[in-house]
């Protein structure tokens, strides 16, 4: 059975602890702390609200989370990386505290277009992009469509090819999936199952896991996830794959050798097809930014422009 880290929202509908309950109008205590520090804000774009963490000064790097995640995925990376550069972590549409419109286009192409608009609103002309899993796909599409705005890429176990597609992506296409997902009854048993199913989840503390559950229980979150799962493999996937060879931005690929969602073999293939890429393999699973954050921060600091 493949690792199912980014299927977490399908499974985590239980109750969160009071320690991570909303504070000062924010969804979780982590977000409330960022807001108190002056790092978290909402940005309006095309009629939707986006939640963005923005801190530090210098050349900008944008952090893009994977399916089932949010800017919280980067909690171990955000502060240390912002010591010497501007770091912008985004809740993509449908995730975190960003709006979650039903029936919207949640494909990598649509999310890349929205990212361009957000960067315009934030006054960022050119940036480096770091993306994990689905976020890596958004970064790749952005680099394809707007190369003049892409400085460098950091791709952590990024989606890239149609091969090795997990079965639950196809399950999400069932007509009733977006309705059923709101009715999955879960509780403490979910935590036990998740801890045994993925390396990433097994490393989460109770507080961290409760924070994810709190985010996932936000109205519209699971339906937005179904919409994203349905759009992961685009109808023009072969064109997307062919255009990978046109990306000129230098790329650092950071891959967990134990990833069974986007296996290392696909990371090796991506490194060989991108014109200017280097692959680093870590003792991790699908989400190195949570499993090996100190190594990820060091690699990013060494790679990103000063």
C-alpha atoms as a PDB file:
ATOM      1  CA  UNK A   1       0.000   0.000   0.000  1.00  0.00           C
ATOM      2  CA  UNK A   2       1.396   3.388  -0.954  1.00  0.00           C
ATOM      3  CA  UNK A   3       2.123   6.070   1.596  1.00  0.00           C
ATOM      4  CA  UNK A   4      -0.945   8.277   1.881  1.00  0.00           C
ATOM      5  CA  UNK A   5       0.306  11.452   3.572  1.00  0.00           C
ATOM      6  CA  UNK A   6      -1.669  13.776   1.340  1.00  0.00           C
ATOM      7  CA  UNK A   7      -4.802  11.702   1.861  1.00  0.00           C
ATOM      8  CA  UNK A   8      -4.763  12.769   5.528  1.00  0.00           C
ATOM      9  CA  UNK A   9      -7.842  14.999   5.185  1.00  0.00           C
ATOM     10  CA  UNK A  10      -9.896  11.987   4.102  1.00  0.00           C
ATOM     11  CA  UNK A  11      -9.101  10.351   7.390  1.00  0.00           C
ATOM     12  CA  UNK A  12      -8.746  13.038  10.010  1.00  0.00           C
ATOM     13  CA  UNK A  13     -12.198  14.185  10.900  1.00  0.00           C
ATOM     14  CA  UNK A  14     -11.904  13.681  14.642  1.00  0.00           C
ATOM     15  CA  UNK A  15     -11.926  16.269  17.383  1.00  0.00           C
ATOM     16  CA  UNK A  16      -8.956  18.525  17.983  1.00  0.00           C
ATOM     17  CA  UNK A  17      -7.695  19.379  21.428  1.00  0.00           C
ATOM     18  CA  UNK A  18      -8.425  22.683  23.094  1.00  0.00           C
ATOM     19  CA  UNK A  19      -4.703  23.521  22.915  1.00  0.00           C
ATOM     20  CA  UNK A  20      -4.973  24.182  19.185  1.00  0.00           C
ATOM     21  CA  UNK A  21      -8.399  25.778  19.127  1.00  0.00           C
ATOM     22  CA  UNK A  22      -8.858  29.052  17.296  1.00  0.00           C
ATOM     23  CA  UNK A  23      -7.315  32.088  18.931  1.00  0.00           C
ATOM     24  CA  UNK A  24      -7.787  35.759  18.077  1.00  0.00           C
ATOM     25  CA  UNK A  25      -9.963  34.814  15.137  1.00  0.00           C
ATOM     26  CA  UNK A  26      -7.419  32.449  13.641  1.00  0.00           C
ATOM     27  CA  UNK A  27      -7.976  28.770  12.967  1.00  0.00           C
ATOM     28  CA  UNK A  28      -5.129  27.475  15.143  1.00  0.00           C
ATOM     29  CA  UNK A  29      -2.769  28.654  17.852  1.00  0.00           C
ATOM     30  CA  UNK A  30       0.167  28.477  15.418  1.00  0.00           C
ATOM     31  CA  UNK A  31      -1.522  30.931  13.090  1.00  0.00           C
ATOM     32  CA  UNK A  32      -2.477  33.216  15.954  1.00  0.00           C
ATOM     33  CA  UNK A  33       1.190  33.319  17.003  1.00  0.00           C
ATOM     34  CA  UNK A  34       2.281  34.255  13.479  1.00  0.00           C
ATOM     35  CA  UNK A  35      -0.321  37.014  13.424  1.00  0.00           C
ATOM     36  CA  UNK A  36       0.915  38.408  16.746  1.00  0.00           C
ATOM     37  CA  UNK A  37       4.413  38.496  15.266  1.00  0.00           C
ATOM     38  CA  UNK A  38       3.093  40.497  12.305  1.00  0.00           C
ATOM     39  CA  UNK A  39       3.854  37.671   9.846  1.00  0.00           C
ATOM     40  CA  UNK A  40       0.372  36.448   8.934  1.00  0.00           C
ATOM     41  CA  UNK A  41      -2.137  38.349   6.847  1.00  0.00           C
ATOM     42  CA  UNK A  42      -5.025  37.895   4.446  1.00  0.00           C
ATOM     43  CA  UNK A  43      -4.807  38.979   0.828  1.00  0.00           C
ATOM     44  CA  UNK A  44      -7.842  39.563  -1.390  1.00  0.00           C
ATOM     45  CA  UNK A  45      -7.509  38.497  -5.018  1.00  0.00           C
ATOM     46  CA  UNK A  46     -10.221  38.071  -7.646  1.00  0.00           C
ATOM     47  CA  UNK A  47     -12.921  37.936  -4.994  1.00  0.00           C
ATOM     48  CA  UNK A  48     -11.220  35.292  -2.851  1.00  0.00           C
ATOM     49  CA  UNK A  49      -9.311  35.539   0.405  1.00  0.00           C
ATOM     50  CA  UNK A  50      -5.854  33.998   0.701  1.00  0.00           C
ATOM     51  CA  UNK A  51      -3.894  33.504   3.908  1.00  0.00           C
ATOM     52  CA  UNK A  52      -0.185  34.278   3.612  1.00  0.00           C
ATOM     53  CA  UNK A  53       2.745  34.169   6.031  1.00  0.00           C
ATOM     54  CA  UNK A  54       5.277  36.812   4.982  1.00  0.00           C
ATOM     55  CA  UNK A  55       8.408  37.500   7.012  1.00  0.00           C
ATOM     56  CA  UNK A  56      12.039  38.526   6.609  1.00  0.00           C
ATOM     57  CA  UNK A  57      13.787  40.727   4.052  1.00  0.00           C
ATOM     58  CA  UNK A  58      15.925  40.093   1.010  1.00  0.00           C
ATOM     59  CA  UNK A  59      15.445  37.983  -2.099  1.00  0.00           C
ATOM     60  CA  UNK A  60      12.046  36.278  -1.894  1.00  0.00           C
ATOM     61  CA  UNK A  61      11.358  32.561  -1.742  1.00  0.00           C
ATOM     62  CA  UNK A  62       7.790  31.237  -1.884  1.00  0.00           C
ATOM     63  CA  UNK A  63       6.824  28.048  -0.018  1.00  0.00           C
ATOM     64  CA  UNK A  64       4.069  25.891  -1.548  1.00  0.00           C
ATOM     65  CA  UNK A  65       2.499  23.050   0.420  1.00  0.00           C
ATOM     66  CA  UNK A  66       1.246  19.656  -0.698  1.00  0.00           C
ATOM     67  CA  UNK A  67      -2.212  18.100  -0.842  1.00  0.00           C
ATOM     68  CA  UNK A  68      -3.848  17.904   2.552  1.00  0.00           C
ATOM     69  CA  UNK A  69      -1.437  20.461   3.937  1.00  0.00           C
ATOM     70  CA  UNK A  70      -1.135  24.202   4.341  1.00  0.00           C
ATOM     71  CA  UNK A  71       1.483  26.796   5.187  1.00  0.00           C
ATOM     72  CA  UNK A  72       1.720  24.929   8.516  1.00  0.00           C
ATOM     73  CA  UNK A  73       3.750  22.290   6.606  1.00  0.00           C
ATOM     74  CA  UNK A  74       6.627  24.789   6.590  1.00  0.00           C
ATOM     75  CA  UNK A  75       6.577  25.641  10.317  1.00  0.00           C
ATOM     76  CA  UNK A  76      10.099  24.241  10.853  1.00  0.00           C
ATOM     77  CA  UNK A  77      11.473  26.090   7.825  1.00  0.00           C
ATOM     78  CA  UNK A  78       9.714  29.478   7.838  1.00  0.00           C
ATOM     79  CA  UNK A  79      11.448  31.196  10.741  1.00  0.00           C
ATOM     80  CA  UNK A  80      15.063  30.025  10.212  1.00  0.00           C
ATOM     81  CA  UNK A  81      14.945  30.628   6.464  1.00  0.00           C
ATOM     82  CA  UNK A  82      13.579  34.146   6.976  1.00  0.00           C
ATOM     83  CA  UNK A  83      16.653  35.185   8.950  1.00  0.00           C
ATOM     84  CA  UNK A  84      18.439  36.139   5.728  1.00  0.00           C
ATOM     85  CA  UNK A  85      15.718  36.418   3.044  1.00  0.00           C
ATOM     86  CA  UNK A  86      12.054  37.206   2.550  1.00  0.00           C
ATOM     87  CA  UNK A  87       9.970  34.056   2.938  1.00  0.00           C
ATOM     88  CA  UNK A  88       6.352  33.842   1.783  1.00  0.00           C
ATOM     89  CA  UNK A  89       4.326  30.737   2.700  1.00  0.00           C
ATOM     90  CA  UNK A  90       0.946  30.504   0.989  1.00  0.00           C
ATOM     91  CA  UNK A  91      -2.271  28.684   1.804  1.00  0.00           C
ATOM     92  CA  UNK A  92      -3.304  27.697  -1.710  1.00  0.00           C
ATOM     93  CA  UNK A  93      -6.956  28.221  -2.582  1.00  0.00           C
ATOM     94  CA  UNK A  94      -8.930  25.446  -0.883  1.00  0.00           C
ATOM     95  CA  UNK A  95      -6.463  24.967   1.989  1.00  0.00           C
ATOM     96  CA  UNK A  96      -5.642  26.385   5.402  1.00  0.00           C
ATOM     97  CA  UNK A  97      -7.392  29.710   5.960  1.00  0.00           C
ATOM     98  CA  UNK A  98      -7.725  30.587   2.294  1.00  0.00           C
ATOM     99  CA  UNK A  99     -11.215  30.451   0.795  1.00  0.00           C
ATOM    100  CA  UNK A 100     -12.562  27.055  -0.229  1.00  0.00           C
ATOM    101  CA  UNK A 101     -15.063  27.640  -3.042  1.00  0.00           C
ATOM    102  CA  UNK A 102     -16.937  24.572  -4.190  1.00  0.00           C
ATOM    103  CA  UNK A 103     -16.624  23.654  -7.860  1.00  0.00           C
ATOM    104  CA  UNK A 104     -13.545  25.823  -8.451  1.00  0.00           C
ATOM    105  CA  UNK A 105     -10.586  24.803 -10.637  1.00  0.00           C
ATOM    106  CA  UNK A 106      -7.938  23.379  -8.287  1.00  0.00           C
ATOM    107  CA  UNK A 107      -5.464  22.199 -10.936  1.00  0.00           C
ATOM    108  CA  UNK A 108      -1.761  23.042 -10.826  1.00  0.00           C
ATOM    109  CA  UNK A 109      -2.270  25.397 -13.773  1.00  0.00           C
ATOM    110  CA  UNK A 110      -5.017  27.341 -11.982  1.00  0.00           C
ATOM    111  CA  UNK A 111      -3.051  27.479  -8.734  1.00  0.00           C
ATOM    112  CA  UNK A 112       0.009  28.744 -10.627  1.00  0.00           C
ATOM    113  CA  UNK A 113      -2.078  31.533 -12.169  1.00  0.00           C
ATOM    114  CA  UNK A 114      -3.361  32.500  -8.731  1.00  0.00           C
ATOM    115  CA  UNK A 115       0.182  32.475  -7.379  1.00  0.00           C
ATOM    116  CA  UNK A 116       1.230  34.935 -10.062  1.00  0.00           C
ATOM    117  CA  UNK A 117      -1.611  37.238  -8.998  1.00  0.00           C
ATOM    118  CA  UNK A 118      -0.667  36.927  -5.331  1.00  0.00           C
ATOM    119  CA  UNK A 119       2.949  37.815  -6.081  1.00  0.00           C
ATOM    120  CA  UNK A 120       1.749  40.841  -8.021  1.00  0.00           C
ATOM    121  CA  UNK A 121      -0.338  41.888  -5.012  1.00  0.00           C
ATOM    122  CA  UNK A 122       2.641  41.384  -2.684  1.00  0.00           C
ATOM    123  CA  UNK A 123       4.943  43.426  -4.899  1.00  0.00           C
ATOM    124  CA  UNK A 124       7.140  40.481  -5.872  1.00  0.00           C
ATOM    125  CA  UNK A 125       8.336  40.488  -9.470  1.00  0.00           C
ATOM    126  CA  UNK A 126      10.728  37.537  -9.417  1.00  0.00           C
ATOM    127  CA  UNK A 127      11.101  34.825  -6.795  1.00  0.00           C
ATOM    128  CA  UNK A 128      12.467  31.400  -6.032  1.00  0.00           C
ATOM    129  CA  UNK A 129       9.781  28.760  -5.514  1.00  0.00           C
ATOM    130  CA  UNK A 130       9.932  25.806  -3.129  1.00  0.00           C
ATOM    131  CA  UNK A 131       7.191  23.208  -3.369  1.00  0.00           C
ATOM    132  CA  UNK A 132       6.472  19.859  -1.760  1.00  0.00           C
ATOM    133  CA  UNK A 133       4.363  17.249  -3.572  1.00  0.00           C
ATOM    134  CA  UNK A 134       1.408  19.084  -5.194  1.00  0.00           C
ATOM    135  CA  UNK A 135       3.118  22.382  -4.378  1.00  0.00           C
ATOM    136  CA  UNK A 136       6.085  21.232  -6.431  1.00  0.00           C
ATOM    137  CA  UNK A 137       3.759  20.703  -9.382  1.00  0.00           C
ATOM    138  CA  UNK A 138       2.492  24.271  -8.964  1.00  0.00           C
ATOM    139  CA  UNK A 139       6.091  25.528  -8.895  1.00  0.00           C
ATOM    140  CA  UNK A 140       6.962  23.581 -12.047  1.00  0.00           C
ATOM    141  CA  UNK A 141       3.929  24.928 -13.889  1.00  0.00           C
ATOM    142  CA  UNK A 142       4.750  28.474 -12.770  1.00  0.00           C
ATOM    143  CA  UNK A 143       8.298  28.069 -14.097  1.00  0.00           C
ATOM    144  CA  UNK A 144       6.929  26.794 -17.412  1.00  0.00           C
ATOM    145  CA  UNK A 145       4.468  29.641 -17.875  1.00  0.00           C
ATOM    146  CA  UNK A 146       6.453  32.551 -16.378  1.00  0.00           C
ATOM    147  CA  UNK A 147      10.171  31.768 -16.678  1.00  0.00           C
ATOM    148  CA  UNK A 148      11.049  35.453 -16.435  1.00  0.00           C
ATOM    149  CA  UNK A 149       9.601  35.500 -12.902  1.00  0.00           C
ATOM    150  CA  UNK A 150      11.238  32.289 -11.699  1.00  0.00           C
ATOM    151  CA  UNK A 151      14.632  32.586 -10.052  1.00  0.00           C
ATOM    152  CA  UNK A 152      15.299  29.079  -8.712  1.00  0.00           C
ATOM    153  CA  UNK A 153      13.272  25.981  -7.859  1.00  0.00           C
ATOM    154  CA  UNK A 154      13.428  23.738  -4.803  1.00  0.00           C
ATOM    155  CA  UNK A 155      11.335  20.632  -5.416  1.00  0.00           C
ATOM    156  CA  UNK A 156      10.692  18.291  -2.497  1.00  0.00           C
ATOM    157  CA  UNK A 157       9.180  14.983  -3.615  1.00  0.00           C
ATOM    158  CA  UNK A 158       7.290  16.937  -6.263  1.00  0.00           C
ATOM    159  CA  UNK A 159       4.519  15.507  -8.391  1.00  0.00           C
ATOM    160  CA  UNK A 160       5.874  15.365 -11.915  1.00  0.00           C
ATOM    161  CA  UNK A 161       4.726  12.386 -14.022  1.00  0.00           C
ATOM    162  CA  UNK A 162       1.502  10.450 -14.483  1.00  0.00           C
ATOM    163  CA  UNK A 163       3.126   7.159 -13.513  1.00  0.00           C
ATOM    164  CA  UNK A 164       2.647   5.745 -10.018  1.00  0.00           C
ATOM    165  CA  UNK A 165      -0.695   7.515  -9.596  1.00  0.00           C
ATOM    166  CA  UNK A 166      -2.227   6.463  -6.242  1.00  0.00           C
ATOM    167  CA  UNK A 167      -5.602   4.728  -6.432  1.00  0.00           C
ATOM    168  CA  UNK A 168      -7.333   7.283  -4.226  1.00  0.00           C
ATOM    169  CA  UNK A 169      -6.888   9.920  -6.959  1.00  0.00           C
ATOM    170  CA  UNK A 170      -9.251   7.881  -9.087  1.00  0.00           C
ATOM    171  CA  UNK A 171     -11.566   7.221  -6.124  1.00  0.00           C
ATOM    172  CA  UNK A 172     -11.955  10.996  -5.804  1.00  0.00           C
ATOM    173  CA  UNK A 173     -13.488  11.068  -9.291  1.00  0.00           C
ATOM    174  CA  UNK A 174     -16.496   9.061  -8.140  1.00  0.00           C
ATOM    175  CA  UNK A 175     -19.649  11.224  -8.394  1.00  0.00           C
ATOM    176  CA  UNK A 176     -20.449  10.862  -4.691  1.00  0.00           C
ATOM    177  CA  UNK A 177     -16.937  11.451  -3.340  1.00  0.00           C
ATOM    178  CA  UNK A 178     -17.391  15.129  -2.485  1.00  0.00           C
ATOM    179  CA  UNK A 179     -20.533  14.317  -0.485  1.00  0.00           C
ATOM    180  CA  UNK A 180     -19.280  11.207   1.286  1.00  0.00           C
ATOM    181  CA  UNK A 181     -16.062  12.822   2.470  1.00  0.00           C
ATOM    182  CA  UNK A 182     -17.985  15.058   4.882  1.00  0.00           C
ATOM    183  CA  UNK A 183     -19.592  12.032   6.534  1.00  0.00           C
ATOM    184  CA  UNK A 184     -16.588   9.835   7.310  1.00  0.00           C
ATOM    185  CA  UNK A 185     -16.896   9.084  11.055  1.00  0.00           C
ATOM    186  CA  UNK A 186     -13.509   9.234  12.736  1.00  0.00           C
ATOM    187  CA  UNK A 187     -11.939   9.761  16.103  1.00  0.00           C
ATOM    188  CA  UNK A 188      -9.007   8.495  18.153  1.00  0.00           C
ATOM    189  CA  UNK A 189      -8.700   5.389  15.971  1.00  0.00           C
ATOM    190  CA  UNK A 190      -7.717   7.640  13.086  1.00  0.00           C
ATOM    191  CA  UNK A 191      -4.662   8.873  14.976  1.00  0.00           C
ATOM    192  CA  UNK A 192      -3.567   5.302  15.632  1.00  0.00           C
ATOM    193  CA  UNK A 193      -3.992   4.305  11.970  1.00  0.00           C
ATOM    194  CA  UNK A 194      -2.135   7.354  10.687  1.00  0.00           C
ATOM    195  CA  UNK A 195       0.785   6.892  13.033  1.00  0.00           C
ATOM    196  CA  UNK A 196       1.320   3.420  11.620  1.00  0.00           C
ATOM    197  CA  UNK A 197       0.791   4.306   7.978  1.00  0.00           C
ATOM    198  CA  UNK A 198       3.333   6.999   7.094  1.00  0.00           C
ATOM    199  CA  UNK A 199       6.784   8.050   8.237  1.00  0.00           C
ATOM    200  CA  UNK A 200       5.778  11.699   8.262  1.00  0.00           C
ATOM    201  CA  UNK A 201       2.705  11.314  10.451  1.00  0.00           C
ATOM    202  CA  UNK A 202       4.608   9.028  12.792  1.00  0.00           C
ATOM    203  CA  UNK A 203       6.924  11.937  13.593  1.00  0.00           C
ATOM    204  CA  UNK A 204       4.132  14.362  14.485  1.00  0.00           C
ATOM    205  CA  UNK A 205       3.495  15.246  18.093  1.00  0.00           C
ATOM    206  CA  UNK A 206      -0.055  15.100  19.431  1.00  0.00           C
ATOM    207  CA  UNK A 207      -0.223  18.898  19.236  1.00  0.00           C
ATOM    208  CA  UNK A 208       0.919  18.926  15.603  1.00  0.00           C
ATOM    209  CA  UNK A 209      -1.535  16.228  14.613  1.00  0.00           C
ATOM    210  CA  UNK A 210      -4.351  18.048  16.400  1.00  0.00           C
ATOM    211  CA  UNK A 211      -3.441  21.222  14.527  1.00  0.00           C
ATOM    212  CA  UNK A 212      -3.812  19.413  11.213  1.00  0.00           C
ATOM    213  CA  UNK A 213      -7.133  17.961  12.304  1.00  0.00           C
ATOM    214  CA  UNK A 214      -8.346  21.432  13.286  1.00  0.00           C
ATOM    215  CA  UNK A 215      -7.446  22.747   9.838  1.00  0.00           C
ATOM    216  CA  UNK A 216      -9.023  19.813   8.049  1.00  0.00           C
ATOM    217  CA  UNK A 217     -12.291  20.257   9.952  1.00  0.00           C
ATOM    218  CA  UNK A 218     -12.674  23.810   8.583  1.00  0.00           C
ATOM    219  CA  UNK A 219     -15.889  24.160   6.529  1.00  0.00           C
ATOM    220  CA  UNK A 220     -15.373  23.209   2.901  1.00  0.00           C
ATOM    221  CA  UNK A 221     -11.850  21.859   3.395  1.00  0.00           C
ATOM    222  CA  UNK A 222     -12.494  18.222   2.559  1.00  0.00           C
ATOM    223  CA  UNK A 223     -14.670  19.022  -0.438  1.00  0.00           C
ATOM    224  CA  UNK A 224     -11.919  21.302  -1.749  1.00  0.00           C
ATOM    225  CA  UNK A 225      -9.490  18.432  -1.287  1.00  0.00           C
ATOM    226  CA  UNK A 226     -11.685  16.173  -3.413  1.00  0.00           C
ATOM    227  CA  UNK A 227     -11.718  18.868  -6.093  1.00  0.00           C
ATOM    228  CA  UNK A 228      -7.918  19.040  -5.970  1.00  0.00           C
ATOM    229  CA  UNK A 229      -7.528  15.264  -6.111  1.00  0.00           C
ATOM    230  CA  UNK A 230      -9.741  15.201  -9.187  1.00  0.00           C
ATOM    231  CA  UNK A 231      -7.489  17.769 -10.888  1.00  0.00           C
ATOM    232  CA  UNK A 232      -4.057  16.382  -9.946  1.00  0.00           C
ATOM    233  CA  UNK A 233      -3.638  14.582 -13.262  1.00  0.00           C
ATOM    234  CA  UNK A 234      -4.471  17.237 -15.877  1.00  0.00           C
ATOM    235  CA  UNK A 235      -5.900  16.401 -19.300  1.00  0.00           C
ATOM    236  CA  UNK A 236      -2.735  17.854 -20.870  1.00  0.00           C
ATOM    237  CA  UNK A 237      -0.380  15.822 -18.663  1.00  0.00           C
ATOM    238  CA  UNK A 238       1.871  14.775 -21.572  1.00  0.00           C
ATOM    239  CA  UNK A 239       2.289  18.395 -22.609  1.00  0.00           C
ATOM    240  CA  UNK A 240       3.168  19.293 -19.017  1.00  0.00           C
ATOM    241  CA  UNK A 241       5.761  16.513 -18.928  1.00  0.00           C
ATOM    242  CA  UNK A 242       7.274  17.556 -22.265  1.00  0.00           C
ATOM    243  CA  UNK A 243       7.547  21.180 -21.138  1.00  0.00           C
ATOM    244  CA  UNK A 244       9.650  20.164 -18.133  1.00  0.00           C
ATOM    245  CA  UNK A 245      12.620  20.116 -20.499  1.00  0.00           C
ATOM    246  CA  UNK A 246      12.078  23.808 -21.278  1.00  0.00           C
ATOM    247  CA  UNK A 247      12.549  25.011 -17.691  1.00  0.00           C
ATOM    248  CA  UNK A 248      15.770  27.010 -17.435  1.00  0.00           C
ATOM    249  CA  UNK A 249      15.677  27.950 -13.756  1.00  0.00           C
ATOM    250  CA  UNK A 250      18.279  26.071 -11.702  1.00  0.00           C
ATOM    251  CA  UNK A 251      16.543  23.377  -9.645  1.00  0.00           C
ATOM    252  CA  UNK A 252      17.414  21.611  -6.411  1.00  0.00           C
ATOM    253  CA  UNK A 253      15.523  18.341  -5.978  1.00  0.00           C
ATOM    254  CA  UNK A 254      15.276  17.059  -2.408  1.00  0.00           C
ATOM    255  CA  UNK A 255      13.818  13.559  -2.244  1.00  0.00           C
ATOM    256  CA  UNK A 256      13.025  11.187   0.588  1.00  0.00           C
ATOM    257  CA  UNK A 257      14.326   7.775  -0.349  1.00  0.00           C
ATOM    258  CA  UNK A 258      11.426   6.058   1.456  1.00  0.00           C
ATOM    259  CA  UNK A 259       8.686   7.938  -0.408  1.00  0.00           C
ATOM    260  CA  UNK A 260       6.083   5.559  -1.797  1.00  0.00           C
ATOM    261  CA  UNK A 261       3.751   8.295  -3.047  1.00  0.00           C
ATOM    262  CA  UNK A 262       6.182   9.909  -5.503  1.00  0.00           C
ATOM    263  CA  UNK A 263       8.979   7.313  -5.589  1.00  0.00           C
ATOM    264  CA  UNK A 264      12.653   8.205  -5.853  1.00  0.00           C
ATOM    265  CA  UNK A 265      12.770   6.742  -9.368  1.00  0.00           C
ATOM    266  CA  UNK A 266      10.534   9.614 -10.529  1.00  0.00           C
ATOM    267  CA  UNK A 267      12.802  12.116  -8.768  1.00  0.00           C
ATOM    268  CA  UNK A 268      15.800  10.685 -10.612  1.00  0.00           C
ATOM    269  CA  UNK A 269      13.917  10.947 -13.903  1.00  0.00           C
ATOM    270  CA  UNK A 270      12.917  14.542 -13.192  1.00  0.00           C
ATOM    271  CA  UNK A 271      16.525  15.448 -12.334  1.00  0.00           C
ATOM    272  CA  UNK A 272      17.664  13.997 -15.651  1.00  0.00           C
ATOM    273  CA  UNK A 273      15.044  15.846 -17.715  1.00  0.00           C
ATOM    274  CA  UNK A 274      15.260  19.309 -16.156  1.00  0.00           C
ATOM    275  CA  UNK A 275      18.048  21.200 -17.968  1.00  0.00           C
ATOM    276  CA  UNK A 276      19.783  22.428 -14.788  1.00  0.00           C
ATOM    277  CA  UNK A 277      19.033  20.208 -11.790  1.00  0.00           C
ATOM    278  CA  UNK A 278      20.744  18.545  -8.860  1.00  0.00           C
ATOM    279  CA  UNK A 279      19.206  15.738  -6.804  1.00  0.00           C
ATOM    280  CA  UNK A 280      19.821  15.254  -3.077  1.00  0.00           C
ATOM    281  CA  UNK A 281      18.405  12.135  -1.425  1.00  0.00           C
ATOM    282  CA  UNK A 282      17.541  12.220   2.274  1.00  0.00           C
ATOM    283  CA  UNK A 283      16.588   9.557   4.790  1.00  0.00           C
ATOM    284  CA  UNK A 284      12.942  10.606   4.712  1.00  0.00           C
ATOM    285  CA  UNK A 285       9.542   9.866   3.244  1.00  0.00           C
ATOM    286  CA  UNK A 286       7.192  12.096   1.271  1.00  0.00           C
ATOM    287  CA  UNK A 287       7.573  15.349   3.243  1.00  0.00           C
ATOM    288  CA  UNK A 288      11.267  16.091   3.948  1.00  0.00           C
ATOM    289  CA  UNK A 289      10.454  19.625   5.121  1.00  0.00           C
ATOM    290  CA  UNK A 290       8.737  18.037   8.133  1.00  0.00           C
ATOM    291  CA  UNK A 291      10.847  14.929   8.537  1.00  0.00           C
ATOM    292  CA  UNK A 292      14.329  16.450   8.053  1.00  0.00           C
ATOM    293  CA  UNK A 293      13.748  20.217   8.408  1.00  0.00           C
ATOM    294  CA  UNK A 294      17.244  21.161   9.545  1.00  0.00           C
ATOM    295  CA  UNK A 295      18.788  19.451   6.520  1.00  0.00           C
ATOM    296  CA  UNK A 296      16.223  21.050   4.228  1.00  0.00           C
ATOM    297  CA  UNK A 297      16.947  24.524   5.624  1.00  0.00           C
ATOM    298  CA  UNK A 298      20.691  24.003   5.163  1.00  0.00           C
ATOM    299  CA  UNK A 299      20.264  22.788   1.587  1.00  0.00           C
ATOM    300  CA  UNK A 300      17.970  25.683   0.725  1.00  0.00           C
ATOM    301  CA  UNK A 301      20.300  28.272   2.231  1.00  0.00           C
ATOM    302  CA  UNK A 302      23.225  26.882   0.252  1.00  0.00           C
ATOM    303  CA  UNK A 303      21.237  26.798  -2.988  1.00  0.00           C
ATOM    304  CA  UNK A 304      19.095  29.942  -2.961  1.00  0.00           C
ATOM    305  CA  UNK A 305      20.599  33.285  -4.068  1.00  0.00           C
ATOM    306  CA  UNK A 306      21.802  35.674  -1.370  1.00  0.00           C
END
